[in-house]
């Protein structure tokens, strides 16, 4: 899930998946998940403080696991100024 994002367009398109469990939930960060934390293709918009800090760590955790151990996968979104080579369009 690690992504490099531009500070002036820092929304991150998330892409999560799960098997066996009945669902999963995104957590971490103080920004917003649109449309929700349970949508695997949510868009995460970081706060100004997260942009200033330069990164945010989000975690996808499975739910409805029955007798199985819940799974989780942390990942980071790294926020760069637009001078960064990957931010040029």
PDB file of N, CA and C in Angstrom:
ATOM      1  N   UNK A   1       0.815  -1.190   0.000  1.00  0.00           N
ATOM      2  CA  UNK A   1       0.000   0.000   0.000  1.00  0.00           C
ATOM      3  C   UNK A   1       0.860   1.256   0.000  1.00  0.00           C
ATOM      4  N   UNK A   2       2.162   1.170   0.099  1.00  0.00           N
ATOM      5  CA  UNK A   2       2.984   2.366   0.123  1.00  0.00           C
ATOM      6  C   UNK A   2       2.762   3.181  -1.139  1.00  0.00           C
ATOM      7  N   UNK A   3       2.547   4.470  -0.972  1.00  0.00           N
ATOM      8  CA  UNK A   3       2.293   5.374  -2.084  1.00  0.00           C
ATOM      9  C   UNK A   3       3.091   6.649  -1.895  1.00  0.00           C
ATOM     10  N   UNK A   4       3.470   7.284  -2.992  1.00  0.00           N
ATOM     11  CA  UNK A   4       4.064   8.614  -2.970  1.00  0.00           C
ATOM     12  C   UNK A   4       3.019   9.564  -3.530  1.00  0.00           C
ATOM     13  N   UNK A   5       2.700  10.599  -2.758  1.00  0.00           N
ATOM     14  CA  UNK A   5       1.659  11.549  -3.147  1.00  0.00           C
ATOM     15  C   UNK A   5       2.207  12.965  -3.167  1.00  0.00           C
ATOM     16  N   UNK A   6       1.595  13.822  -3.957  1.00  0.00           N
ATOM     17  CA  UNK A   6       1.971  15.233  -3.985  1.00  0.00           C
ATOM     18  C   UNK A   6       1.238  15.977  -2.876  1.00  0.00           C
ATOM     19  N   UNK A   7       1.929  16.865  -2.196  1.00  0.00           N
ATOM     20  CA  UNK A   7       1.324  17.605  -1.091  1.00  0.00           C
ATOM     21  C   UNK A   7       0.145  18.462  -1.554  1.00  0.00           C
ATOM     22  N   UNK A   8       0.185  18.927  -2.813  1.00  0.00           N
ATOM     23  CA  UNK A   8      -0.910  19.778  -3.279  1.00  0.00           C
ATOM     24  C   UNK A   8      -2.089  18.974  -3.834  1.00  0.00           C
ATOM     25  N   UNK A   9      -1.958  17.655  -3.897  1.00  0.00           N
ATOM     26  CA  UNK A   9      -3.035  16.776  -4.347  1.00  0.00           C
ATOM     27  C   UNK A   9      -2.847  15.441  -3.631  1.00  0.00           C
ATOM     28  N   UNK A  10      -3.014  15.468  -2.316  1.00  0.00           N
ATOM     29  CA  UNK A  10      -2.578  14.367  -1.469  1.00  0.00           C
ATOM     30  C   UNK A  10      -3.592  13.252  -1.255  1.00  0.00           C
ATOM     31  N   UNK A  11      -4.719  13.276  -1.925  1.00  0.00           N
ATOM     32  CA  UNK A  11      -5.698  12.210  -1.747  1.00  0.00           C
ATOM     33  C   UNK A  11      -5.120  10.887  -2.248  1.00  0.00           C
ATOM     34  N   UNK A  12      -5.259   9.849  -1.435  1.00  0.00           N
ATOM     35  CA  UNK A  12      -4.720   8.529  -1.772  1.00  0.00           C
ATOM     36  C   UNK A  12      -5.866   7.575  -2.102  1.00  0.00           C
ATOM     37  N   UNK A  13      -5.801   6.970  -3.272  1.00  0.00           N
ATOM     38  CA  UNK A  13      -6.776   5.950  -3.644  1.00  0.00           C
ATOM     39  C   UNK A  13      -6.312   4.642  -3.029  1.00  0.00           C
ATOM     40  N   UNK A  14      -7.088   4.129  -2.079  1.00  0.00           N
ATOM     41  CA  UNK A  14      -6.730   2.894  -1.389  1.00  0.00           C
ATOM     42  C   UNK A  14      -7.245   1.694  -2.173  1.00  0.00           C
ATOM     43  N   UNK A  15      -6.581   0.581  -2.006  1.00  0.00           N
ATOM     44  CA  UNK A  15      -6.982  -0.638  -2.688  1.00  0.00           C
ATOM     45  C   UNK A  15      -6.733  -1.809  -1.756  1.00  0.00           C
ATOM     46  N   UNK A  16      -7.783  -2.261  -1.098  1.00  0.00           N
ATOM     47  CA  UNK A  16      -7.640  -3.367  -0.163  1.00  0.00           C
ATOM     48  C   UNK A  16      -8.456  -4.562  -0.604  1.00  0.00           C
ATOM     49  N   UNK A  17      -8.109  -5.713  -0.075  1.00  0.00           N
ATOM     50  CA  UNK A  17      -8.888  -6.921  -0.353  1.00  0.00           C
ATOM     51  C   UNK A  17      -8.746  -7.876   0.824  1.00  0.00           C
ATOM     52  N   UNK A  18      -9.643  -8.834   0.891  1.00  0.00           N
ATOM     53  CA  UNK A  18      -9.602  -9.831   1.959  1.00  0.00           C
ATOM     54  C   UNK A  18     -10.258 -11.107   1.462  1.00  0.00           C
ATOM     55  N   UNK A  19      -9.908 -12.213   2.094  1.00  0.00           N
ATOM     56  CA  UNK A  19     -10.550 -13.498   1.832  1.00  0.00           C
ATOM     57  C   UNK A  19     -10.895 -14.129   3.165  1.00  0.00           C
ATOM     58  N   UNK A  20     -11.829 -15.009   3.194  1.00  0.00           N
ATOM     59  CA  UNK A  20     -12.314 -15.740   4.358  1.00  0.00           C
ATOM     60  C   UNK A  20     -13.075 -14.827   5.323  1.00  0.00           C
ATOM     61  N   UNK A  21     -12.495 -13.708   5.746  1.00  0.00           N
ATOM     62  CA  UNK A  21     -13.166 -12.782   6.655  1.00  0.00           C
ATOM     63  C   UNK A  21     -14.398 -12.194   5.965  1.00  0.00           C
ATOM     64  N   UNK A  22     -15.310 -11.657   6.776  1.00  0.00           N
ATOM     65  CA  UNK A  22     -16.521 -11.081   6.191  1.00  0.00           C
ATOM     66  C   UNK A  22     -16.370  -9.605   5.843  1.00  0.00           C
ATOM     67  N   UNK A  23     -15.272  -8.996   6.250  1.00  0.00           N
ATOM     68  CA  UNK A  23     -15.063  -7.584   5.945  1.00  0.00           C
ATOM     69  C   UNK A  23     -13.679  -7.139   6.381  1.00  0.00           C
ATOM     70  N   UNK A  24     -13.440  -5.848   6.217  1.00  0.00           N
ATOM     71  CA  UNK A  24     -12.178  -5.250   6.637  1.00  0.00           C
ATOM     72  C   UNK A  24     -12.425  -3.766   6.884  1.00  0.00           C
ATOM     73  N   UNK A  25     -11.531  -3.148   7.652  1.00  0.00           N
ATOM     74  CA  UNK A  25     -11.681  -1.738   7.995  1.00  0.00           C
ATOM     75  C   UNK A  25     -10.328  -1.036   7.936  1.00  0.00           C
ATOM     76  N   UNK A  26     -10.317   0.162   7.350  1.00  0.00           N
ATOM     77  CA  UNK A  26      -9.126   1.009   7.324  1.00  0.00           C
ATOM     78  C   UNK A  26      -9.046   1.782   8.633  1.00  0.00           C
ATOM     79  N   UNK A  27      -7.845   1.977   9.164  1.00  0.00           N
ATOM     80  CA  UNK A  27      -7.659   2.787  10.370  1.00  0.00           C
ATOM     81  C   UNK A  27      -6.335   3.532  10.280  1.00  0.00           C
ATOM     82  N   UNK A  28      -6.135   4.435  11.209  1.00  0.00           N
ATOM     83  CA  UNK A  28      -4.916   5.244  11.250  1.00  0.00           C
ATOM     84  C   UNK A  28      -5.154   6.586  10.599  1.00  0.00           C
ATOM     85  N   UNK A  29      -4.316   7.510  10.895  1.00  0.00           N
ATOM     86  CA  UNK A  29      -4.450   8.837  10.325  1.00  0.00           C
ATOM     87  C   UNK A  29      -5.595   9.608  10.948  1.00  0.00           C
ATOM     88  N   UNK A  30      -5.568  10.914  10.759  1.00  0.00           N
ATOM     89  CA  UNK A  30      -6.620  11.791  11.291  1.00  0.00           C
ATOM     90  C   UNK A  30      -7.468  12.379  10.166  1.00  0.00           C
ATOM     91  N   UNK A  31      -7.168  11.992   8.924  1.00  0.00           N
ATOM     92  CA  UNK A  31      -7.898  12.501   7.771  1.00  0.00           C
ATOM     93  C   UNK A  31      -9.221  11.787   7.573  1.00  0.00           C
ATOM     94  N   UNK A  32      -9.751  11.882   6.368  1.00  0.00           N
ATOM     95  CA  UNK A  32     -11.061  11.299   6.084  1.00  0.00           C
ATOM     96  C   UNK A  32     -10.969  10.179   5.054  1.00  0.00           C
ATOM     97  N   UNK A  33     -11.836   9.183   5.230  1.00  0.00           N
ATOM     98  CA  UNK A  33     -11.976   8.064   4.301  1.00  0.00           C
ATOM     99  C   UNK A  33     -13.312   8.241   3.587  1.00  0.00           C
ATOM    100  N   UNK A  34     -13.283   8.348   2.262  1.00  0.00           N
ATOM    101  CA  UNK A  34     -14.507   8.555   1.508  1.00  0.00           C
ATOM    102  C   UNK A  34     -14.708   7.394   0.541  1.00  0.00           C
ATOM    103  N   UNK A  35     -15.793   6.660   0.591  1.00  0.00           N
ATOM    104  CA  UNK A  35     -17.004   6.979   1.327  1.00  0.00           C
ATOM    105  C   UNK A  35     -16.992   6.506   2.777  1.00  0.00           C
ATOM    106  N   UNK A  36     -16.133   5.533   3.136  1.00  0.00           N
ATOM    107  CA  UNK A  36     -16.112   5.049   4.518  1.00  0.00           C
ATOM    108  C   UNK A  36     -14.856   4.227   4.772  1.00  0.00           C
ATOM    109  N   UNK A  37     -14.613   3.919   6.039  1.00  0.00           N
ATOM    110  CA  UNK A  37     -13.451   3.099   6.420  1.00  0.00           C
ATOM    111  C   UNK A  37     -13.619   1.642   6.029  1.00  0.00           C
ATOM    112  N   UNK A  38     -14.824   1.222   5.671  1.00  0.00           N
ATOM    113  CA  UNK A  38     -15.049  -0.177   5.304  1.00  0.00           C
ATOM    114  C   UNK A  38     -15.090  -0.387   3.789  1.00  0.00           C
ATOM    115  N   UNK A  39     -14.873   0.657   3.020  1.00  0.00           N
ATOM    116  CA  UNK A  39     -14.832   0.550   1.568  1.00  0.00           C
ATOM    117  C   UNK A  39     -13.397   0.265   1.147  1.00  0.00           C
ATOM    118  N   UNK A  40     -13.165  -0.858   0.472  1.00  0.00           N
ATOM    119  CA  UNK A  40     -11.802  -1.254   0.112  1.00  0.00           C
ATOM    120  C   UNK A  40     -11.171  -0.309  -0.913  1.00  0.00           C
ATOM    121  N   UNK A  41     -11.982   0.410  -1.659  1.00  0.00           N
ATOM    122  CA  UNK A  41     -11.485   1.364  -2.647  1.00  0.00           C
ATOM    123  C   UNK A  41     -11.677   2.805  -2.211  1.00  0.00           C
ATOM    124  N   UNK A  42     -11.637   3.045  -0.899  1.00  0.00           N
ATOM    125  CA  UNK A  42     -11.848   4.396  -0.367  1.00  0.00           C
ATOM    126  C   UNK A  42     -10.755   5.358  -0.821  1.00  0.00           C
ATOM    127  N   UNK A  43     -11.064   6.622  -0.749  1.00  0.00           N
ATOM    128  CA  UNK A  43     -10.078   7.673  -0.983  1.00  0.00           C
ATOM    129  C   UNK A  43      -9.771   8.301   0.371  1.00  0.00           C
ATOM    130  N   UNK A  44      -8.485   8.308   0.749  1.00  0.00           N
ATOM    131  CA  UNK A  44      -8.064   8.898   2.012  1.00  0.00           C
ATOM    132  C   UNK A  44      -7.508  10.288   1.742  1.00  0.00           C
ATOM    133  N   UNK A  45      -8.054  11.280   2.434  1.00  0.00           N
ATOM    134  CA  UNK A  45      -7.563  12.653   2.319  1.00  0.00           C
ATOM    135  C   UNK A  45      -6.891  13.022   3.639  1.00  0.00           C
ATOM    136  N   UNK A  46      -5.575  13.243   3.624  1.00  0.00           N
ATOM    137  CA  UNK A  46      -4.849  13.555   4.855  1.00  0.00           C
ATOM    138  C   UNK A  46      -5.139  14.975   5.349  1.00  0.00           C
ATOM    139  N   UNK A  47      -4.876  15.190   6.627  1.00  0.00           N
ATOM    140  CA  UNK A  47      -5.024  16.515   7.223  1.00  0.00           C
ATOM    141  C   UNK A  47      -3.823  17.375   6.841  1.00  0.00           C
ATOM    142  N   UNK A  48      -3.932  18.673   7.081  1.00  0.00           N
ATOM    143  CA  UNK A  48      -2.814  19.591   6.838  1.00  0.00           C
ATOM    144  C   UNK A  48      -1.604  19.196   7.681  1.00  0.00           C
ATOM    145  N   UNK A  49      -1.838  18.735   8.911  1.00  0.00           N
ATOM    146  CA  UNK A  49      -0.736  18.313   9.785  1.00  0.00           C
ATOM    147  C   UNK A  49      -0.027  17.086   9.221  1.00  0.00           C
ATOM    148  N   UNK A  50      -0.769  16.147   8.658  1.00  0.00           N
ATOM    149  CA  UNK A  50      -0.164  14.964   8.042  1.00  0.00           C
ATOM    150  C   UNK A  50       0.653  15.346   6.809  1.00  0.00           C
ATOM    151  N   UNK A  51       0.135  16.283   6.035  1.00  0.00           N
ATOM    152  CA  UNK A  51       0.869  16.757   4.862  1.00  0.00           C
ATOM    153  C   UNK A  51       2.163  17.429   5.303  1.00  0.00           C
ATOM    154  N   UNK A  52       2.089  18.270   6.345  1.00  0.00           N
ATOM    155  CA  UNK A  52       3.284  18.945   6.860  1.00  0.00           C
ATOM    156  C   UNK A  52       4.293  17.947   7.408  1.00  0.00           C
ATOM    157  N   UNK A  53       3.805  16.879   8.041  1.00  0.00           N
ATOM    158  CA  UNK A  53       4.689  15.851   8.609  1.00  0.00           C
ATOM    159  C   UNK A  53       5.340  15.018   7.513  1.00  0.00           C
ATOM    160  N   UNK A  54       4.706  14.918   6.357  1.00  0.00           N
ATOM    161  CA  UNK A  54       5.284  14.208   5.230  1.00  0.00           C
ATOM    162  C   UNK A  54       4.896  12.755   5.094  1.00  0.00           C
ATOM    163  N   UNK A  55       4.105  12.219   6.027  1.00  0.00           N
ATOM    164  CA  UNK A  55       3.658  10.836   5.869  1.00  0.00           C
ATOM    165  C   UNK A  55       2.500  10.534   6.815  1.00  0.00           C
ATOM    166  N   UNK A  56       1.813   9.469   6.493  1.00  0.00           N
ATOM    167  CA  UNK A  56       0.749   8.950   7.343  1.00  0.00           C
ATOM    168  C   UNK A  56       0.734   7.438   7.168  1.00  0.00           C
ATOM    169  N   UNK A  57       0.493   6.722   8.247  1.00  0.00           N
ATOM    170  CA  UNK A  57       0.422   5.264   8.181  1.00  0.00           C
ATOM    171  C   UNK A  57      -1.025   4.820   8.353  1.00  0.00           C
ATOM    172  N   UNK A  58      -1.502   4.058   7.392  1.00  0.00           N
ATOM    173  CA  UNK A  58      -2.856   3.513   7.420  1.00  0.00           C
ATOM    174  C   UNK A  58      -2.756   1.996   7.511  1.00  0.00           C
ATOM    175  N   UNK A  59      -3.725   1.377   8.164  1.00  0.00           N
ATOM    176  CA  UNK A  59      -3.722  -0.071   8.341  1.00  0.00           C
ATOM    177  C   UNK A  59      -5.066  -0.644   7.919  1.00  0.00           C
ATOM    178  N   UNK A  60      -5.030  -1.745   7.195  1.00  0.00           N
ATOM    179  CA  UNK A  60      -6.238  -2.474   6.819  1.00  0.00           C
ATOM    180  C   UNK A  60      -6.311  -3.717   7.694  1.00  0.00           C
ATOM    181  N   UNK A  61      -7.401  -3.861   8.452  1.00  0.00           N
ATOM    182  CA  UNK A  61      -7.579  -4.982   9.374  1.00  0.00           C
ATOM    183  C   UNK A  61      -8.858  -5.729   9.042  1.00  0.00           C
ATOM    184  N   UNK A  62      -8.774  -7.046   8.961  1.00  0.00           N
ATOM    185  CA  UNK A  62      -9.966  -7.835   8.647  1.00  0.00           C
ATOM    186  C   UNK A  62     -10.909  -7.898   9.847  1.00  0.00           C
ATOM    187  N   UNK A  63     -12.194  -8.081   9.545  1.00  0.00           N
ATOM    188  CA  UNK A  63     -13.238  -8.228  10.567  1.00  0.00           C
ATOM    189  C   UNK A  63     -14.060  -9.464  10.232  1.00  0.00           C
ATOM    190  N   UNK A  64     -14.855  -9.929  11.194  1.00  0.00           N
ATOM    191  CA  UNK A  64     -15.685 -11.108  10.954  1.00  0.00           C
ATOM    192  C   UNK A  64     -14.844 -12.321  10.628  1.00  0.00           C
ATOM    193  N   UNK A  65     -13.847 -12.582  11.461  1.00  0.00           N
ATOM    194  CA  UNK A  65     -12.875 -13.638  11.197  1.00  0.00           C
ATOM    195  C   UNK A  65     -13.258 -15.012  11.737  1.00  0.00           C
ATOM    196  N   UNK A  66     -14.363 -15.087  12.465  1.00  0.00           N
ATOM    197  CA  UNK A  66     -14.733 -16.376  13.061  1.00  0.00           C
ATOM    198  C   UNK A  66     -13.640 -16.863  13.985  1.00  0.00           C
ATOM    199  N   UNK A  67     -13.188 -18.082  13.787  1.00  0.00           N
ATOM    200  CA  UNK A  67     -12.141 -18.654  14.633  1.00  0.00           C
ATOM    201  C   UNK A  67     -10.735 -18.327  14.132  1.00  0.00           C
ATOM    202  N   UNK A  68     -10.642 -17.651  13.017  1.00  0.00           N
ATOM    203  CA  UNK A  68      -9.332 -17.304  12.457  1.00  0.00           C
ATOM    204  C   UNK A  68      -8.771 -16.037  13.089  1.00  0.00           C
ATOM    205  N   UNK A  69      -7.472 -15.925  13.099  1.00  0.00           N
ATOM    206  CA  UNK A  69      -6.800 -14.728  13.592  1.00  0.00           C
ATOM    207  C   UNK A  69      -7.026 -13.596  12.611  1.00  0.00           C
ATOM    208  N   UNK A  70      -7.304 -12.403  13.138  1.00  0.00           N
ATOM    209  CA  UNK A  70      -7.513 -11.274  12.231  1.00  0.00           C
ATOM    210  C   UNK A  70      -6.212 -10.922  11.529  1.00  0.00           C
ATOM    211  N   UNK A  71      -6.329 -10.480  10.317  1.00  0.00           N
ATOM    212  CA  UNK A  71      -5.167 -10.068   9.542  1.00  0.00           C
ATOM    213  C   UNK A  71      -5.090  -8.558   9.472  1.00  0.00           C
ATOM    214  N   UNK A  72      -3.906  -8.020   9.346  1.00  0.00           N
ATOM    215  CA  UNK A  72      -3.753  -6.588   9.165  1.00  0.00           C
ATOM    216  C   UNK A  72      -2.520  -6.302   8.322  1.00  0.00           C
ATOM    217  N   UNK A  73      -2.589  -5.206   7.585  1.00  0.00           N
ATOM    218  CA  UNK A  73      -1.489  -4.811   6.708  1.00  0.00           C
ATOM    219  C   UNK A  73      -1.302  -3.309   6.815  1.00  0.00           C
ATOM    220  N   UNK A  74      -0.241  -2.876   7.506  1.00  0.00           N
ATOM    221  CA  UNK A  74       0.028  -1.436   7.544  1.00  0.00           C
ATOM    222  C   UNK A  74       0.735  -0.983   6.277  1.00  0.00           C
ATOM    223  N   UNK A  75       0.558   0.251   5.948  1.00  0.00           N
ATOM    224  CA  UNK A  75       1.242   0.839   4.800  1.00  0.00           C
ATOM    225  C   UNK A  75       1.353   2.331   5.007  1.00  0.00           C
ATOM    226  N   UNK A  76       2.211   2.960   4.264  1.00  0.00           N
ATOM    227  CA  UNK A  76       2.440   4.389   4.434  1.00  0.00           C
ATOM    228  C   UNK A  76       2.148   5.142   3.151  1.00  0.00           C
ATOM    229  N   UNK A  77       1.670   6.349   3.318  1.00  0.00           N
ATOM    230  CA  UNK A  77       1.545   7.291   2.212  1.00  0.00           C
ATOM    231  C   UNK A  77       2.562   8.388   2.487  1.00  0.00           C
ATOM    232  N   UNK A  78       3.497   8.569   1.583  1.00  0.00           N
ATOM    233  CA  UNK A  78       4.538   9.584   1.732  1.00  0.00           C
ATOM    234  C   UNK A  78       4.149  10.804   0.911  1.00  0.00           C
ATOM    235  N   UNK A  79       4.115  11.958   1.559  1.00  0.00           N
ATOM    236  CA  UNK A  79       3.650  13.185   0.933  1.00  0.00           C
ATOM    237  C   UNK A  79       4.842  14.078   0.596  1.00  0.00           C
ATOM    238  N   UNK A  80       4.959  14.463  -0.654  1.00  0.00           N
ATOM    239  CA  UNK A  80       6.101  15.265  -1.106  1.00  0.00           C
ATOM    240  C   UNK A  80       5.638  16.567  -1.731  1.00  0.00           C
ATOM    241  N   UNK A  81       6.506  17.567  -1.672  1.00  0.00           N
ATOM    242  CA  UNK A  81       6.258  18.832  -2.385  1.00  0.00           C
ATOM    243  C   UNK A  81       6.281  18.535  -3.878  1.00  0.00           C
ATOM    244  N   UNK A  82       5.674  19.352  -4.673  1.00  0.00           N
ATOM    245  CA  UNK A  82       5.577  19.076  -6.102  1.00  0.00           C
ATOM    246  C   UNK A  82       6.893  19.133  -6.841  1.00  0.00           C
ATOM    247  N   UNK A  83       7.952  19.561  -6.214  1.00  0.00           N
ATOM    248  CA  UNK A  83       9.257  19.528  -6.866  1.00  0.00           C
ATOM    249  C   UNK A  83       9.748  18.085  -6.989  1.00  0.00           C
ATOM    250  N   UNK A  84       9.163  17.178  -6.207  1.00  0.00           N
ATOM    251  CA  UNK A  84       9.552  15.766  -6.241  1.00  0.00           C
ATOM    252  C   UNK A  84       9.304  15.226  -7.648  1.00  0.00           C
ATOM    253  N   UNK A  85      10.211  14.444  -8.187  1.00  0.00           N
ATOM    254  CA  UNK A  85      10.116  13.979  -9.575  1.00  0.00           C
ATOM    255  C   UNK A  85       8.842  13.198  -9.856  1.00  0.00           C
ATOM    256  N   UNK A  86       8.295  12.477  -8.879  1.00  0.00           N
ATOM    257  CA  UNK A  86       7.089  11.697  -9.125  1.00  0.00           C
ATOM    258  C   UNK A  86       5.827  12.542  -9.093  1.00  0.00           C
ATOM    259  N   UNK A  87       5.939  13.816  -8.709  1.00  0.00           N
ATOM    260  CA  UNK A  87       4.774  14.685  -8.630  1.00  0.00           C
ATOM    261  C   UNK A  87       4.555  15.488  -9.901  1.00  0.00           C
ATOM    262  N   UNK A  88       5.472  15.465 -10.804  1.00  0.00           N
ATOM    263  CA  UNK A  88       5.335  16.259 -12.037  1.00  0.00           C
ATOM    264  C   UNK A  88       4.284  15.636 -12.952  1.00  0.00           C
ATOM    265  N   UNK A  89       3.484  16.484 -13.556  1.00  0.00           N
ATOM    266  CA  UNK A  89       2.477  16.004 -14.507  1.00  0.00           C
ATOM    267  C   UNK A  89       2.656  16.659 -15.857  1.00  0.00           C
TER     268      UNK A  89
END
